[in-house]
Amino acid sequence: MKVLISGASVAGPALAYWLHRHGFEPTLVERAPAPRPGGQGIDLRGTARTVVERMGLMDQIRARHTGVHGMVQVDASGRRLFDFGGDVLGDSGGIIAELEILRGDLVDIFHRATRDDVEYLFDDSITSLSQGAEGVSVTFAHSAPRKFDLVIGADGVWSAVRRLAFGPHEEFLTDGGYHLSVFATPTLTDLQGQELMYNMPAGSGVGGRMAGLYPTADPDVARGMLFFATDPLPYDRRDIAAQKRLVAGAFTDADWLVPRMVESMLAADDFYFARATRVHVDEWSRGRVALLGDSVFGGSVGMGTSMAIVGAYVLAGELAAARGDHSVAFAAYQERLADYVCQCGRPMPGGTKGMLPATRLGIRVRNAGTRLMLAGPWRGAITGGLQKVANMITLPDYGLAVQPTR
């Protein structure tokens, strides 16, 4: 069977890998001209580690571990207020996971693991889908029209496949209350292998704000992160310069290292900007089209990558178990993952207001409450029990041996 997958970030290549292992013929289409570099640090938690171990890729992933071993809250002078160690809340359930990797590095590993066996169509996108009894007719922005047995949307929160096959974005998206940006920056201060976070009250015409510096394997380079609470602001998703100006405008009165971070952001060539958004889709498939990853369960805190990897494994396995009968496989895929996805998608305690307090008093109260929780046996409540959730699903082997380590 020929399966078209839209999106070549994490979920798409992971699915392509397992489909190929099961004997399907996957094709990946990706709007970007090449695998996307950069991006923030992401976590591999719980059962997702089992999947990458079965892919034989764990050694490669560990070799590119960022080395981050905790997160520290600081004040305007850089004084450390409290910290979360990577192992404080379990091997994969803490604020900072024991195993973290830059998104671009994980994308590169998955691409290298599939590029010799899977067809990639970079710099292209799906423009229409037409389902019939024998398959799905697909047109592309650049490639010639083709027909596939199945189409999978692994193309993110603003999924084109979901829009074409399921309906307008507004039917499935819930606003998260803030904007965020991620970009490369000089390290600026001694991070000591820890992510630094600094909160600021409302100002510059927006609500509560937060800045972060995330270390990488290169001691001279970090990932800068800027968050600010506000109503949705209109912007052109293709106009990067305008997006940078929008972010800079939200931090005109900022202190700590933020002015220097803004300078780095304006010069960065790997700038990422998005509105925090949650995705909810009641039925994950329509006929021969199904959704995977952020296109169907985006918006979780700390579990998005893990859900994408686990979901890819299960979707490919259920298609193999059903011998390609998509109606059986898609139903089994959703049934097996539904509770796991529901639990992974629960918001963190405190939500956006806890993350981005709008006043100095609110920041002090949040910080004092966090210190109190870290000092007691209830510290697990800070992350909503992610350690347990990350390991709650048991994976079938779907008849495949574990791939030798590469």
Protein backbone atom coordinates (compact mmCIF):
# COMPACT_ATOMS: atom_id res chain seq x y z
CA MET A 1 0.00 0.00 0.00
CA LYS A 2 1.12 3.52 -0.82
CA VAL A 3 0.81 5.98 2.07
CA LEU A 4 1.32 9.73 1.75
CA ILE A 5 2.44 11.51 4.93
CA SER A 6 2.30 15.29 5.14
CA GLY A 7 4.97 16.73 7.44
CA ALA A 8 8.64 15.76 7.89
CA SER A 9 9.34 16.96 11.42
CA VAL A 10 9.13 14.21 14.06
CA ALA A 11 5.81 12.37 13.71
CA GLY A 12 6.00 12.00 9.91
CA PRO A 13 9.47 10.42 9.61
CA ALA A 14 8.78 8.21 12.66
CA LEU A 15 5.62 6.92 10.98
CA ALA A 16 7.44 6.46 7.67
CA TYR A 17 10.12 4.42 9.43
CA TRP A 18 7.62 1.99 10.93
CA LEU A 19 5.46 1.79 7.81
CA HIS A 20 8.52 0.81 5.77
CA ARG A 21 9.45 -1.81 8.37
CA HIS A 22 5.96 -3.29 8.01
CA GLY A 23 6.16 -3.41 4.20
CA PHE A 24 4.21 -0.30 3.20
CA GLU A 25 5.46 2.31 0.70
CA PRO A 26 5.48 5.70 2.45
CA THR A 27 6.03 9.06 0.76
CA LEU A 28 6.71 12.18 2.81
CA VAL A 29 5.81 15.66 1.57
CA GLU A 30 7.24 18.67 3.41
CA ARG A 31 6.72 22.39 2.76
CA ALA A 32 10.28 23.29 3.85
CA PRO A 33 13.12 22.82 1.32
CA ALA A 34 15.06 20.51 3.69
CA PRO A 35 14.81 19.06 7.20
CA ARG A 36 14.25 22.00 9.54
CA PRO A 37 17.28 22.81 11.75
CA GLY A 38 17.29 24.56 15.12
CA GLY A 39 14.29 24.68 17.40
CA GLN A 40 13.96 24.35 21.13
CA GLY A 41 15.00 21.55 23.42
CA ILE A 42 12.45 18.75 23.50
CA ASP A 43 11.91 15.87 25.89
CA LEU A 44 11.85 12.14 25.28
CA ARG A 45 9.76 10.65 28.05
CA GLY A 46 8.54 7.26 29.17
CA THR A 47 7.23 4.94 26.48
CA ALA A 48 8.63 7.11 23.68
CA ARG A 49 12.06 5.90 24.75
CA THR A 50 10.93 2.33 24.20
CA VAL A 51 9.99 3.24 20.63
CA VAL A 52 13.35 4.84 19.77
CA GLU A 53 15.13 1.89 21.39
CA ARG A 54 13.17 -0.45 19.09
CA MET A 55 14.26 1.76 16.19
CA GLY A 56 17.88 1.24 17.24
CA LEU A 57 18.41 5.01 17.52
CA MET A 58 18.83 5.56 21.24
CA ASP A 59 22.63 5.73 21.12
CA GLN A 60 22.48 8.43 18.42
CA ILE A 61 19.96 10.41 20.41
CA ARG A 62 21.96 10.19 23.62
CA ALA A 63 25.06 11.30 21.70
CA ARG A 64 23.24 14.54 20.87
CA HIS A 65 21.80 15.07 24.33
CA THR A 66 21.96 18.78 25.08
CA GLY A 67 23.52 18.12 28.47
CA VAL A 68 20.82 20.15 30.24
CA HIS A 69 20.27 18.79 33.74
CA GLY A 70 17.81 21.20 35.28
CA MET A 71 15.89 24.46 35.20
CA VAL A 72 16.52 27.48 37.43
CA GLN A 73 14.27 30.47 38.14
CA VAL A 74 16.23 33.72 38.43
CA ASP A 75 15.48 37.32 39.35
CA ALA A 76 16.48 40.50 37.53
CA SER A 77 20.00 40.39 38.99
CA GLY A 78 20.49 36.77 37.93
CA ARG A 79 20.18 35.47 41.49
CA ARG A 80 18.98 31.86 41.54
CA LEU A 81 15.66 31.54 43.35
CA PHE A 82 14.95 27.81 43.05
CA ASP A 83 15.76 24.97 40.69
CA PHE A 84 14.30 21.81 39.24
CA GLY A 85 16.87 19.07 38.77
CA GLY A 86 16.43 16.76 35.81
CA ASP A 87 15.94 13.82 38.16
CA VAL A 88 13.83 15.56 40.82
CA LEU A 89 10.54 14.17 39.58
CA GLY A 90 11.59 10.92 37.93
CA ASP A 91 13.72 9.85 34.99
CA SER A 92 11.38 11.37 32.40
CA GLY A 93 8.71 13.25 34.27
CA GLY A 94 10.42 16.40 35.53
CA ILE A 95 10.23 19.94 34.23
CA ILE A 96 13.50 19.13 32.48
CA ALA A 97 13.63 15.53 31.28
CA GLU A 98 16.70 13.39 31.92
CA LEU A 99 17.03 13.06 28.14
CA GLU A 100 16.63 16.23 26.07
CA ILE A 101 17.63 16.94 22.50
CA LEU A 102 17.22 19.92 20.18
CA ARG A 103 14.28 19.42 17.85
CA GLY A 104 16.48 19.94 14.78
CA ASP A 105 18.87 17.21 15.93
CA LEU A 106 16.02 14.71 16.41
CA VAL A 107 14.59 15.60 13.00
CA ASP A 108 18.02 15.01 11.46
CA ILE A 109 18.38 11.59 13.14
CA PHE A 110 14.94 10.47 11.94
CA HIS A 111 15.60 11.78 8.43
CA ARG A 112 18.90 9.91 8.20
CA ALA A 113 17.18 6.73 9.41
CA THR A 114 14.58 6.90 6.62
CA ARG A 115 16.01 8.78 3.64
CA ASP A 116 17.36 5.65 1.89
CA ASP A 117 14.05 3.78 2.14
CA VAL A 118 11.42 6.51 1.96
CA GLU A 119 10.54 8.97 -0.80
CA TYR A 120 10.77 12.61 0.34
CA LEU A 121 9.13 15.50 -1.54
CA PHE A 122 10.67 18.64 -0.04
CA ASP A 123 9.61 22.18 -0.92
CA ASP A 124 6.09 21.00 -1.73
CA SER A 125 2.66 20.73 -0.13
CA ILE A 126 -0.76 19.16 -0.62
CA THR A 127 -3.34 21.42 -2.26
CA SER A 128 -6.34 19.07 -2.57
CA LEU A 129 -7.56 15.63 -1.53
CA SER A 130 -10.32 13.61 -3.20
CA GLN A 131 -11.28 10.30 -1.63
CA GLY A 132 -12.74 7.40 -3.56
CA ALA A 133 -13.32 3.67 -3.19
CA GLU A 134 -9.85 2.89 -4.55
CA GLY A 135 -7.79 5.55 -2.81
CA VAL A 136 -7.10 9.26 -2.41
CA SER A 137 -6.32 11.50 -5.37
CA VAL A 138 -3.86 14.20 -4.32
CA THR A 139 -2.70 17.39 -6.00
CA PHE A 140 0.44 19.22 -4.96
CA ALA A 141 1.73 22.77 -5.19
CA HIS A 142 4.60 21.63 -7.43
CA SER A 143 4.61 17.86 -8.06
CA ALA A 144 2.31 16.11 -10.51
CA PRO A 145 -1.00 14.74 -9.15
CA ARG A 146 -0.81 11.23 -7.69
CA LYS A 147 -3.02 8.63 -6.07
CA PHE A 148 -2.37 6.97 -2.70
CA ASP A 149 -4.14 4.30 -0.69
CA LEU A 150 -4.00 6.41 2.48
CA VAL A 151 -3.05 9.94 3.53
CA ILE A 152 -1.77 10.86 7.00
CA GLY A 153 -1.62 14.43 8.27
CA ALA A 154 1.45 14.85 10.50
CA ASP A 155 1.77 18.52 9.59
CA GLY A 156 1.34 20.31 12.89
CA VAL A 157 -1.22 22.44 14.68
CA TRP A 158 -2.16 24.28 11.46
CA SER A 159 -2.45 21.02 9.52
CA ALA A 160 -3.31 21.40 5.83
CA VAL A 161 -4.51 17.78 5.72
CA ARG A 162 -6.89 18.38 8.62
CA ARG A 163 -8.25 21.52 6.96
CA LEU A 164 -8.78 19.74 3.63
CA ALA A 165 -10.30 16.52 4.99
CA PHE A 166 -11.89 17.51 8.31
CA GLY A 167 -12.85 21.18 8.15
CA PRO A 168 -11.72 24.72 9.08
CA HIS A 169 -9.05 25.17 11.75
CA GLU A 170 -11.45 27.03 14.03
CA GLU A 171 -13.43 23.83 14.64
CA PHE A 172 -10.47 22.12 16.32
CA LEU A 173 -8.27 24.82 17.93
CA THR A 174 -8.41 26.45 21.36
CA ASP A 175 -6.32 29.53 22.05
CA GLY A 176 -3.60 29.16 24.71
CA GLY A 177 -3.39 32.81 25.74
CA TYR A 178 0.19 33.67 24.78
CA HIS A 179 2.74 33.98 21.99
CA LEU A 180 6.23 32.44 22.05
CA SER A 181 9.41 32.66 20.06
CA VAL A 182 12.58 30.54 19.96
CA PHE A 183 15.91 31.47 18.36
CA ALA A 184 19.68 30.97 18.56
CA THR A 185 21.62 33.36 20.78
CA PRO A 186 25.07 33.60 22.33
CA THR A 187 25.07 32.04 25.78
CA LEU A 188 25.28 35.51 27.45
CA THR A 189 25.96 34.10 30.94
CA ASP A 190 27.30 30.97 32.63
CA LEU A 191 24.36 28.56 32.38
CA GLN A 192 26.12 25.70 34.19
CA GLY A 193 24.15 23.17 32.14
CA GLN A 194 20.81 24.54 33.34
CA GLU A 195 17.97 26.37 31.65
CA LEU A 196 17.44 29.83 33.15
CA MET A 197 13.93 31.33 33.33
CA TYR A 198 13.04 34.90 34.26
CA ASN A 199 9.52 36.33 34.71
CA MET A 200 8.45 39.93 34.16
CA PRO A 201 5.07 41.53 34.88
CA ALA A 202 2.83 43.06 32.24
CA GLY A 203 4.36 45.89 30.25
CA SER A 204 4.99 47.18 26.73
CA GLY A 205 1.31 46.75 25.99
CA VAL A 206 1.13 43.02 26.75
CA GLY A 207 0.49 40.83 29.80
CA GLY A 208 2.88 38.69 31.85
CA ARG A 209 6.18 37.83 30.18
CA MET A 210 8.96 35.30 30.53
CA ALA A 211 12.43 34.91 29.03
CA GLY A 212 14.50 31.74 28.95
CA LEU A 213 18.03 30.69 28.05
CA TYR A 214 18.49 27.03 27.18
CA PRO A 215 22.06 25.64 26.91
CA THR A 216 23.15 23.42 24.04
CA ALA A 217 26.10 21.09 23.51
CA ASP A 218 28.01 24.14 22.19
CA PRO A 219 28.97 26.18 25.30
CA ASP A 220 28.94 29.41 23.28
CA VAL A 221 25.44 28.99 21.82
CA ALA A 222 22.08 28.81 23.58
CA ARG A 223 18.44 28.83 22.61
CA GLY A 224 16.63 32.00 23.56
CA MET A 225 12.93 31.85 24.39
CA LEU A 226 10.51 34.76 24.83
CA PHE A 227 6.90 34.34 25.96
CA PHE A 228 4.22 36.99 26.45
CA ALA A 229 0.54 36.81 27.37
CA THR A 230 -1.85 38.79 25.20
CA ASP A 231 -4.94 38.44 23.09
CA PRO A 232 -4.14 36.98 19.67
CA LEU A 233 -2.17 39.49 17.60
CA PRO A 234 -2.59 39.53 13.82
CA TYR A 235 0.53 38.74 11.83
CA ASP A 236 1.55 37.33 8.49
CA ARG A 237 2.96 33.83 9.04
CA ARG A 238 5.30 34.38 6.07
CA ASP A 239 6.67 37.78 7.18
CA ILE A 240 9.49 36.89 9.58
CA ALA A 241 10.73 40.48 9.93
CA ALA A 242 7.27 41.64 11.05
CA GLN A 243 7.08 38.80 13.56
CA LYS A 244 10.44 39.77 15.01
CA ARG A 245 9.29 43.38 15.38
CA LEU A 246 6.14 42.18 17.15
CA VAL A 247 8.19 40.19 19.69
CA ALA A 248 10.71 43.00 20.20
CA GLY A 249 7.85 45.41 20.84
CA ALA A 250 6.58 43.25 23.72
CA PHE A 251 9.91 43.62 25.57
CA THR A 252 10.86 47.28 25.14
CA ASP A 253 11.04 47.84 28.92
CA ALA A 254 12.62 44.48 29.83
CA ASP A 255 15.60 44.00 32.15
CA TRP A 256 17.91 41.06 33.02
CA LEU A 257 19.51 39.73 29.81
CA VAL A 258 16.41 40.31 27.73
CA PRO A 259 17.62 43.38 25.73
CA ARG A 260 20.63 41.36 24.52
CA MET A 261 18.37 38.40 23.76
CA VAL A 262 16.15 40.64 21.65
CA GLU A 263 19.23 41.80 19.70
CA SER A 264 20.09 38.14 19.02
CA MET A 265 16.52 37.39 18.01
CA LEU A 266 16.47 40.23 15.45
CA ALA A 267 19.62 38.80 13.84
CA ALA A 268 18.72 35.09 14.11
CA ASP A 269 18.21 33.03 10.97
CA ASP A 270 16.42 30.21 12.81
CA PHE A 271 13.65 32.34 14.35
CA TYR A 272 10.46 30.50 15.32
CA PHE A 273 7.24 32.26 16.34
CA ALA A 274 3.86 30.82 17.21
CA ARG A 275 0.67 31.28 19.16
CA ALA A 276 0.18 28.70 21.90
CA THR A 277 -2.74 26.59 20.73
CA ARG A 278 -4.41 23.38 21.83
CA VAL A 279 -5.88 20.91 19.35
CA HIS A 280 -8.84 18.62 19.97
CA VAL A 281 -10.33 16.33 17.32
CA ASP A 282 -13.09 13.91 18.33
CA GLU A 283 -12.49 11.42 15.51
CA TRP A 284 -8.92 11.07 14.31
CA SER A 285 -9.76 9.76 10.84
CA ARG A 286 -12.11 10.47 7.96
CA GLY A 287 -12.29 7.64 5.45
CA ARG A 288 -8.78 7.02 4.12
CA VAL A 289 -7.29 10.07 5.87
CA ALA A 290 -5.98 10.07 9.45
CA LEU A 291 -4.16 12.54 11.69
CA LEU A 292 -1.04 12.13 13.81
CA GLY A 293 0.97 14.26 16.23
CA ASP A 294 0.23 17.96 16.74
CA SER A 295 -2.39 17.93 13.98
CA VAL A 296 -4.67 15.91 16.26
CA PHE A 297 -3.36 16.30 19.85
CA GLY A 298 -1.09 19.36 19.80
CA GLY A 299 -0.74 21.76 22.71
CA SER A 300 0.43 19.51 25.54
CA VAL A 301 3.14 20.64 27.96
CA GLY A 302 6.27 18.52 27.69
CA MET A 303 4.62 15.50 26.02
CA GLY A 304 4.10 16.52 22.39
CA THR A 305 7.19 14.84 20.96
CA SER A 306 6.67 11.70 23.01
CA MET A 307 3.04 11.41 21.90
CA ALA A 308 4.08 11.88 18.26
CA ILE A 309 6.66 9.08 18.46
CA VAL A 310 4.37 6.68 20.31
CA GLY A 311 1.47 7.54 17.99
CA ALA A 312 3.57 6.84 14.89
CA TYR A 313 4.55 3.42 16.23
CA VAL A 314 0.96 2.47 17.08
CA LEU A 315 -0.57 3.78 13.84
CA ALA A 316 1.88 1.85 11.68
CA GLY A 317 1.50 -1.25 13.84
CA GLU A 318 -2.29 -1.21 13.69
CA LEU A 319 -2.22 -0.80 9.90
CA ALA A 320 0.06 -3.83 9.70
CA ALA A 321 -2.07 -5.85 12.13
CA ALA A 322 -5.19 -5.06 10.09
CA ARG A 323 -3.38 -5.97 6.84
CA GLY A 324 -4.02 -2.51 5.50
CA ASP A 325 -7.72 -2.34 6.34
CA HIS A 326 -7.74 1.35 7.25
CA SER A 327 -11.21 1.35 8.82
CA VAL A 328 -10.14 -1.29 11.33
CA ALA A 329 -6.65 0.12 11.86
CA PHE A 330 -7.65 3.75 12.34
CA ALA A 331 -10.28 2.81 14.92
CA ALA A 332 -7.82 0.61 16.81
CA TYR A 333 -5.17 3.37 16.68
CA GLN A 334 -7.47 5.88 18.34
CA GLU A 335 -8.84 3.39 20.87
CA ARG A 336 -5.37 2.32 21.99
CA LEU A 337 -4.07 5.87 22.38
CA ALA A 338 -7.14 7.85 23.49
CA ASP A 339 -6.63 7.67 27.26
CA TYR A 340 -2.86 8.20 26.98
CA VAL A 341 -3.41 11.29 24.82
CA CYS A 342 -6.10 12.62 27.16
CA GLN A 343 -3.84 12.32 30.20
CA CYS A 344 -0.80 13.74 28.38
CA GLY A 345 -2.84 16.73 27.26
CA ARG A 346 -3.88 17.90 30.70
CA PRO A 347 -2.70 21.47 31.35
CA MET A 348 -0.04 22.09 33.97
CA PRO A 349 -1.27 23.24 37.38
CA GLY A 350 -1.72 27.01 37.29
CA GLY A 351 -2.07 27.17 33.51
CA THR A 352 -1.04 30.28 31.61
CA LYS A 353 -1.59 32.57 34.61
CA GLY A 354 0.78 30.46 36.68
CA MET A 355 3.36 30.47 33.91
CA LEU A 356 3.05 34.19 33.09
CA PRO A 357 1.83 36.14 36.14
CA ALA A 358 0.81 39.68 35.21
CA THR A 359 2.03 41.48 38.38
CA ARG A 360 5.18 41.53 40.50
CA LEU A 361 3.11 40.33 43.44
CA GLY A 362 1.79 37.45 41.35
CA ILE A 363 5.33 36.47 40.41
CA ARG A 364 6.44 36.52 44.07
CA VAL A 365 3.44 34.45 45.18
CA ARG A 366 4.00 31.92 42.37
CA ASN A 367 7.69 31.62 43.23
CA ALA A 368 7.00 31.20 46.95
CA GLY A 369 4.41 28.51 46.27
CA THR A 370 6.79 26.66 43.97
CA ARG A 371 9.58 26.69 46.57
CA LEU A 372 7.15 25.33 49.14
CA MET A 373 6.05 22.50 46.85
CA LEU A 374 9.63 21.58 45.96
CA ALA A 375 10.46 21.25 49.65
CA GLY A 376 7.73 18.72 50.37
CA PRO A 377 6.53 15.26 49.32
CA TRP A 378 3.91 16.86 47.04
CA ARG A 379 6.51 18.04 44.52
CA GLY A 380 5.06 15.70 41.87
CA ALA A 381 1.97 17.94 41.70
CA ILE A 382 4.07 20.62 40.00
CA THR A 383 4.04 18.66 36.75
CA GLY A 384 0.66 17.04 37.13
CA GLY A 385 2.13 13.52 37.47
CA LEU A 386 3.93 13.44 34.10
CA GLN A 387 6.19 10.59 35.21
CA LYS A 388 3.23 8.25 35.61
CA VAL A 389 1.49 9.49 32.48
CA ALA A 390 4.62 9.13 30.33
CA ASN A 391 4.75 5.41 31.13
CA MET A 392 1.04 4.60 31.22
CA ILE A 393 0.77 2.93 27.81
CA THR A 394 2.05 -0.57 26.99
CA LEU A 395 3.21 -1.16 23.42
CA PRO A 396 2.55 -4.35 21.44
CA ASP A 397 5.51 -5.60 19.43
CA TYR A 398 3.40 -5.92 16.22
CA GLY A 399 5.57 -8.84 15.14
CA LEU A 400 8.77 -6.86 14.57
CA ALA A 401 12.14 -7.53 16.15
CA VAL A 402 14.02 -4.68 17.76
CA GLN A 403 16.29 -2.96 15.24
CA PRO A 404 20.01 -3.33 16.00
CA THR A 405 21.61 -0.23 17.50
CA ARG A 406 23.01 2.13 14.85
